[in-house]
Amino acid sequence: MSESQLRKGAIELVVLGLLDSSASYGGQLLERLTTEAGVVVSSGTLYPLLARLRKTQLVKTSWEESPVGPPRKRYELTSTGTRRLNELKEEWDLLNQAIIKTTRTKDGNR
């Protein structure tokens, strides 16, 4: 697995997790990725991901009026998205445990 593939999977997990806690519009989600998750993602990465998540019915969209401009597309997790989030969390936990087990030194330290 390349670093790029690993990052893509991790970003999907983080985005689903953020949307699980509250629905967001795209610009807001970019900010939340940085402030809440400490992950810097470009709009060129986020919006194609959101489009794919919508196409696979993991998120749904609705239009929200903006007080300072045109309406914004709001992204919200679906029940299918919640199930996928839980699957990804389990996969991540298993991967994390495998990494911990295989990176210990002989004396038990990392």
C-alpha atoms as a PDB file:
ATOM      1  CA  MET A   1       0.000   0.000   0.000  1.00  0.00           C
ATOM      2  CA  SER A   2       1.431   3.360  -0.961  1.00  0.00           C
ATOM      3  CA  GLU A   3       1.574   6.326   1.393  1.00  0.00           C
ATOM      4  CA  SER A   4      -0.957   8.037  -0.874  1.00  0.00           C
ATOM      5  CA  GLN A   5      -3.445   5.155  -0.556  1.00  0.00           C
ATOM      6  CA  LEU A   6      -3.010   5.031   3.209  1.00  0.00           C
ATOM      7  CA  ARG A   7      -3.597   8.798   3.460  1.00  0.00           C
ATOM      8  CA  LYS A   8      -6.726   8.552   1.266  1.00  0.00           C
ATOM      9  CA  GLY A   9      -8.203   5.873   3.509  1.00  0.00           C
ATOM     10  CA  ALA A  10      -7.338   7.806   6.639  1.00  0.00           C
ATOM     11  CA  ILE A  11      -8.878  10.992   5.255  1.00  0.00           C
ATOM     12  CA  GLU A  12     -12.085   9.125   4.404  1.00  0.00           C
ATOM     13  CA  LEU A  13     -12.229   7.822   7.965  1.00  0.00           C
ATOM     14  CA  VAL A  14     -11.655  11.299   9.423  1.00  0.00           C
ATOM     15  CA  VAL A  15     -14.239  12.933   7.129  1.00  0.00           C
ATOM     16  CA  LEU A  16     -16.872  10.321   8.007  1.00  0.00           C
ATOM     17  CA  GLY A  17     -16.044  10.773  11.696  1.00  0.00           C
ATOM     18  CA  LEU A  18     -16.413  14.542  11.497  1.00  0.00           C
ATOM     19  CA  LEU A  19     -19.723  14.227   9.649  1.00  0.00           C
ATOM     20  CA  ASP A  20     -20.890  11.721  12.257  1.00  0.00           C
ATOM     21  CA  SER A  21     -20.490  14.382  14.944  1.00  0.00           C
ATOM     22  CA  SER A  22     -22.218  17.102  12.882  1.00  0.00           C
ATOM     23  CA  ALA A  23     -23.255  17.843   9.319  1.00  0.00           C
ATOM     24  CA  SER A  24     -21.104  20.425   7.530  1.00  0.00           C
ATOM     25  CA  TYR A  25     -20.780  22.301   4.293  1.00  0.00           C
ATOM     26  CA  GLY A  26     -17.584  21.854   2.282  1.00  0.00           C
ATOM     27  CA  GLY A  27     -15.695  24.948   3.404  1.00  0.00           C
ATOM     28  CA  GLN A  28     -16.613  24.298   7.004  1.00  0.00           C
ATOM     29  CA  LEU A  29     -15.430  20.711   6.664  1.00  0.00           C
ATOM     30  CA  LEU A  30     -12.042  21.894   5.340  1.00  0.00           C
ATOM     31  CA  GLU A  31     -11.717  24.063   8.469  1.00  0.00           C
ATOM     32  CA  ARG A  32     -12.819  21.244  10.774  1.00  0.00           C
ATOM     33  CA  LEU A  33     -10.269  18.883   9.238  1.00  0.00           C
ATOM     34  CA  THR A  34      -7.542  21.317  10.238  1.00  0.00           C
ATOM     35  CA  THR A  35      -8.844  22.518  13.607  1.00  0.00           C
ATOM     36  CA  GLU A  36     -10.476  19.352  14.958  1.00  0.00           C
ATOM     37  CA  ALA A  37      -8.394  16.636  13.316  1.00  0.00           C
ATOM     38  CA  GLY A  38      -5.095  18.393  12.643  1.00  0.00           C
ATOM     39  CA  VAL A  39      -5.185  17.267   9.012  1.00  0.00           C
ATOM     40  CA  VAL A  40      -4.460  19.667   6.172  1.00  0.00           C
ATOM     41  CA  VAL A  41      -6.417  18.736   3.052  1.00  0.00           C
ATOM     42  CA  SER A  42      -6.882  20.758  -0.120  1.00  0.00           C
ATOM     43  CA  SER A  43     -10.286  21.397  -1.644  1.00  0.00           C
ATOM     44  CA  GLY A  44      -9.001  19.440  -4.661  1.00  0.00           C
ATOM     45  CA  THR A  45      -8.781  16.385  -2.394  1.00  0.00           C
ATOM     46  CA  LEU A  46     -11.894  16.946  -0.298  1.00  0.00           C
ATOM     47  CA  TYR A  47     -14.529  17.672  -2.929  1.00  0.00           C
ATOM     48  CA  PRO A  48     -13.838  14.587  -5.101  1.00  0.00           C
ATOM     49  CA  LEU A  49     -13.952  12.500  -1.903  1.00  0.00           C
ATOM     50  CA  LEU A  50     -17.297  14.043  -0.928  1.00  0.00           C
ATOM     51  CA  ALA A  51     -18.634  13.398  -4.442  1.00  0.00           C
ATOM     52  CA  ARG A  52     -17.588   9.741  -4.184  1.00  0.00           C
ATOM     53  CA  LEU A  53     -19.105   9.412  -0.712  1.00  0.00           C
ATOM     54  CA  ARG A  54     -22.357  10.878  -2.042  1.00  0.00           C
ATOM     55  CA  LYS A  55     -22.354   8.599  -5.099  1.00  0.00           C
ATOM     56  CA  THR A  56     -21.905   5.548  -2.852  1.00  0.00           C
ATOM     57  CA  GLN A  57     -24.681   6.851  -0.561  1.00  0.00           C
ATOM     58  CA  LEU A  58     -22.444   7.246   2.479  1.00  0.00           C
ATOM     59  CA  VAL A  59     -23.372  10.930   2.694  1.00  0.00           C
ATOM     60  CA  LYS A  60     -26.388  12.880   1.559  1.00  0.00           C
ATOM     61  CA  THR A  61     -26.546  16.521   0.618  1.00  0.00           C
ATOM     62  CA  SER A  62     -28.991  19.345   1.027  1.00  0.00           C
ATOM     63  CA  TRP A  63     -28.807  23.048   0.286  1.00  0.00           C
ATOM     64  CA  GLU A  64     -28.447  25.473   3.173  1.00  0.00           C
ATOM     65  CA  GLU A  65     -29.011  29.223   2.887  1.00  0.00           C
ATOM     66  CA  SER A  66     -25.925  31.286   3.597  1.00  0.00           C
ATOM     67  CA  PRO A  67     -26.157  34.618   5.423  1.00  0.00           C
ATOM     68  CA  VAL A  68     -23.308  36.013   3.286  1.00  0.00           C
ATOM     69  CA  GLY A  69     -23.704  34.604  -0.202  1.00  0.00           C
ATOM     70  CA  PRO A  70     -25.204  31.851  -2.300  1.00  0.00           C
ATOM     71  CA  PRO A  71     -26.666  28.688  -0.750  1.00  0.00           C
ATOM     72  CA  ARG A  72     -24.144  26.051   0.364  1.00  0.00           C
ATOM     73  CA  LYS A  73     -24.241  22.308  -0.063  1.00  0.00           C
ATOM     74  CA  ARG A  74     -24.503  20.646   3.355  1.00  0.00           C
ATOM     75  CA  TYR A  75     -23.102  17.121   3.800  1.00  0.00           C
ATOM     76  CA  GLU A  76     -24.607  14.694   6.286  1.00  0.00           C
ATOM     77  CA  LEU A  77     -23.790  11.078   7.111  1.00  0.00           C
ATOM     78  CA  THR A  78     -26.383   8.470   6.088  1.00  0.00           C
ATOM     79  CA  SER A  79     -27.097   5.275   8.014  1.00  0.00           C
ATOM     80  CA  THR A  80     -24.986   3.453   5.414  1.00  0.00           C
ATOM     81  CA  GLY A  81     -22.235   5.989   6.097  1.00  0.00           C
ATOM     82  CA  THR A  82     -22.450   5.294   9.825  1.00  0.00           C
ATOM     83  CA  ARG A  83     -22.038   1.569   9.166  1.00  0.00           C
ATOM     84  CA  ARG A  84     -19.051   2.265   6.887  1.00  0.00           C
ATOM     85  CA  LEU A  85     -17.522   4.516   9.551  1.00  0.00           C
ATOM     86  CA  ASN A  86     -17.797   1.715  12.112  1.00  0.00           C
ATOM     87  CA  GLU A  87     -16.218  -0.764   9.665  1.00  0.00           C
ATOM     88  CA  LEU A  88     -13.346   1.618   8.961  1.00  0.00           C
ATOM     89  CA  LYS A  89     -12.784   2.176  12.692  1.00  0.00           C
ATOM     90  CA  GLU A  90     -12.562  -1.580  13.241  1.00  0.00           C
ATOM     91  CA  GLU A  91     -10.141  -1.976  10.317  1.00  0.00           C
ATOM     92  CA  TRP A  92      -8.042   0.917  11.623  1.00  0.00           C
ATOM     93  CA  ASP A  93      -7.925  -0.602  15.124  1.00  0.00           C
ATOM     94  CA  LEU A  94      -6.789  -3.958  13.714  1.00  0.00           C
ATOM     95  CA  LEU A  95      -4.125  -2.298  11.589  1.00  0.00           C
ATOM     96  CA  ASN A  96      -2.956  -0.220  14.543  1.00  0.00           C
ATOM     97  CA  GLN A  97      -2.671  -3.330  16.735  1.00  0.00           C
ATOM     98  CA  ALA A  98      -0.692  -5.145  14.031  1.00  0.00           C
ATOM     99  CA  ILE A  99       1.693  -2.194  13.770  1.00  0.00           C
ATOM    100  CA  ILE A 100       2.178  -2.080  17.532  1.00  0.00           C
ATOM    101  CA  LYS A 101       2.844  -5.834  17.693  1.00  0.00           C
ATOM    102  CA  THR A 102       5.304  -5.862  14.832  1.00  0.00           C
ATOM    103  CA  THR A 103       7.268  -2.766  15.790  1.00  0.00           C
ATOM    104  CA  ARG A 104       8.132  -3.732  19.375  1.00  0.00           C
ATOM    105  CA  THR A 105      11.755  -4.468  20.101  1.00  0.00           C
ATOM    106  CA  LYS A 106      12.885  -7.666  21.799  1.00  0.00           C
ATOM    107  CA  ASP A 107      12.779  -6.006  25.233  1.00  0.00           C
ATOM    108  CA  GLY A 108       9.139  -4.996  24.743  1.00  0.00           C
ATOM    109  CA  ASN A 109       9.727  -1.318  24.058  1.00  0.00           C
ATOM    110  CA  ARG A 110       8.807   0.547  20.925  1.00  0.00           C
END
